[in-house]
Protein backbone atom coordinates (compact mmCIF):
# COMPACT_ATOMS: atom_id res chain seq x y z
CA MET A 1 112.64 79.72 103.65
CA THR A 2 112.41 81.28 107.12
CA THR A 3 115.21 83.52 108.27
CA THR A 4 116.14 84.79 111.70
CA ASP A 5 117.58 88.12 110.62
CA GLY A 6 114.21 89.66 109.74
CA THR A 7 114.54 89.30 105.98
CA SER A 8 111.69 87.89 103.96
CA HIS A 9 110.97 84.20 104.20
CA LEU A 10 109.43 84.37 100.73
CA SER A 11 111.48 83.90 97.59
CA THR A 12 111.81 86.67 95.02
CA VAL A 13 109.64 84.66 92.63
CA GLN A 14 106.94 84.19 95.28
CA LEU A 15 106.97 87.89 96.17
CA GLN A 16 106.76 88.86 92.51
CA SER A 17 103.80 86.53 91.98
CA LEU A 18 102.00 87.97 95.00
CA ARG A 19 102.84 91.53 93.94
CA GLU A 20 101.38 90.89 90.47
CA ASP A 21 98.22 89.37 91.98
CA LEU A 22 97.78 92.30 94.35
CA GLN A 23 98.40 94.86 91.59
CA GLU A 24 95.89 93.12 89.32
CA GLN A 25 93.29 93.19 92.10
CA LEU A 26 94.07 96.85 92.79
CA ASP A 27 93.67 97.76 89.11
CA ARG A 28 90.36 95.86 88.91
CA ARG A 29 89.02 97.44 92.12
CA THR A 30 90.09 100.90 90.97
CA ARG A 31 88.23 100.49 87.68
CA HIS A 32 85.19 99.28 89.63
CA LEU A 33 85.38 102.29 91.96
CA ILE A 34 85.57 104.69 89.01
CA GLY A 35 82.50 103.03 87.51
CA LEU A 36 80.62 103.30 90.81
CA GLN A 37 81.57 106.96 91.15
CA ALA A 38 80.28 107.67 87.64
CA GLU A 39 77.09 105.79 88.44
CA ALA A 40 76.63 107.79 91.64
CA GLU A 41 77.09 111.08 89.79
CA GLU A 42 74.53 110.09 87.17
CA SER A 43 72.11 108.53 89.64
CA ASN A 44 68.73 110.10 90.03
CA GLY A 45 67.24 106.95 91.44
CA GLY A 46 65.49 106.50 94.72
CA GLU A 47 67.04 106.70 98.15
CA ASP A 48 67.55 102.90 98.30
CA THR A 49 69.58 102.89 95.09
CA TYR A 50 71.72 105.79 96.31
CA GLN A 51 72.31 104.10 99.69
CA GLU A 52 73.38 100.90 97.92
CA LEU A 53 75.82 102.92 95.83
CA LEU A 54 77.27 104.55 98.95
CA VAL A 55 77.79 101.14 100.56
CA SER A 56 79.44 99.83 97.39
CA LEU A 57 81.66 102.92 97.15
CA SER A 58 82.74 102.52 100.76
CA ALA A 59 83.53 98.81 100.30
CA ALA A 60 85.49 99.48 97.10
CA ASP A 61 87.42 102.29 98.77
CA ARG A 62 88.28 100.06 101.75
CA ALA A 63 89.44 97.24 99.44
CA ILE A 64 91.68 99.65 97.52
CA ALA A 65 93.19 100.89 100.79
CA GLU A 66 93.92 97.32 101.94
CA LEU A 67 95.50 96.39 98.61
CA THR A 68 97.61 99.55 98.61
CA GLN A 69 98.78 98.79 102.16
CA ALA A 70 99.73 95.23 101.16
CA LEU A 71 101.77 96.53 98.20
CA THR A 72 103.46 99.03 100.51
CA ARG A 73 104.33 96.19 102.93
CA ILE A 74 105.93 94.32 100.02
CA ASN A 75 108.01 97.39 99.15
CA VAL A 76 109.22 97.91 102.73
CA GLY A 77 109.83 94.20 103.36
CA THR A 78 107.19 93.49 106.01
CA TYR A 79 104.68 91.69 103.78
CA GLY A 80 104.14 88.06 104.66
CA ARG A 81 104.99 88.49 108.34
CA CYS A 82 102.34 88.12 111.04
CA GLY A 83 101.34 91.51 112.39
CA HIS A 84 101.23 90.07 115.91
CA CYS A 85 104.07 87.57 116.33
CA ALA A 86 106.17 88.38 113.21
CA THR A 87 106.22 84.72 112.13
CA GLY A 88 106.41 84.20 108.40
CA ILE A 89 103.02 83.56 106.83
CA PRO A 90 103.29 80.61 104.42
CA PHE A 91 103.18 81.38 100.70
CA GLU A 92 100.26 78.97 100.29
CA ARG A 93 98.15 81.04 102.72
CA LEU A 94 99.16 84.31 101.06
CA LYS A 95 98.34 82.92 97.62
CA ILE A 96 94.81 82.15 98.82
CA ARG A 97 94.45 85.22 101.05
CA PRO A 98 96.96 87.81 99.80
CA LEU A 99 95.71 90.38 102.31
CA ALA A 100 96.35 88.05 105.28
CA ARG A 101 98.07 90.00 108.05
CA PHE A 102 98.24 87.26 110.66
CA CYS A 103 99.54 83.70 110.82
CA ILE A 104 96.92 80.96 111.31
CA ASN A 105 97.52 80.70 115.06
CA CYS A 106 97.19 84.44 115.70
CA GLN A 107 94.19 84.67 113.37
CA ARG A 108 92.43 81.91 115.31
CA ARG A 109 93.19 83.65 118.61
CA TYR A 110 91.89 86.93 117.21
CA GLU A 111 88.67 85.34 115.95
CA ALA A 112 88.11 83.50 119.24
CA ALA A 113 88.36 86.72 121.27
């Protein structure tokens, strides 16, 4: 369902499915982050434990930011388009990797560089 006028190549049903998946992941990651923050506040463990918590907090925060950006792209109509060449990213790829920002060809070029 590719279009040439810049509109989404994904159907409404596909976008809704992806939106629900992303929102579910965001909710789960947010709950995890809240738990990590509570653990960090209560932690009186050694330096290694605290460092592990900081790494986990940073990773959770980054994941939440990526999920939020993906949901924003859905809302503005740019989700599912390659960030480099603007080609539509197939639904099958987005279902497996909902945070994918590049088509397969651009992703391969990026990884090879």
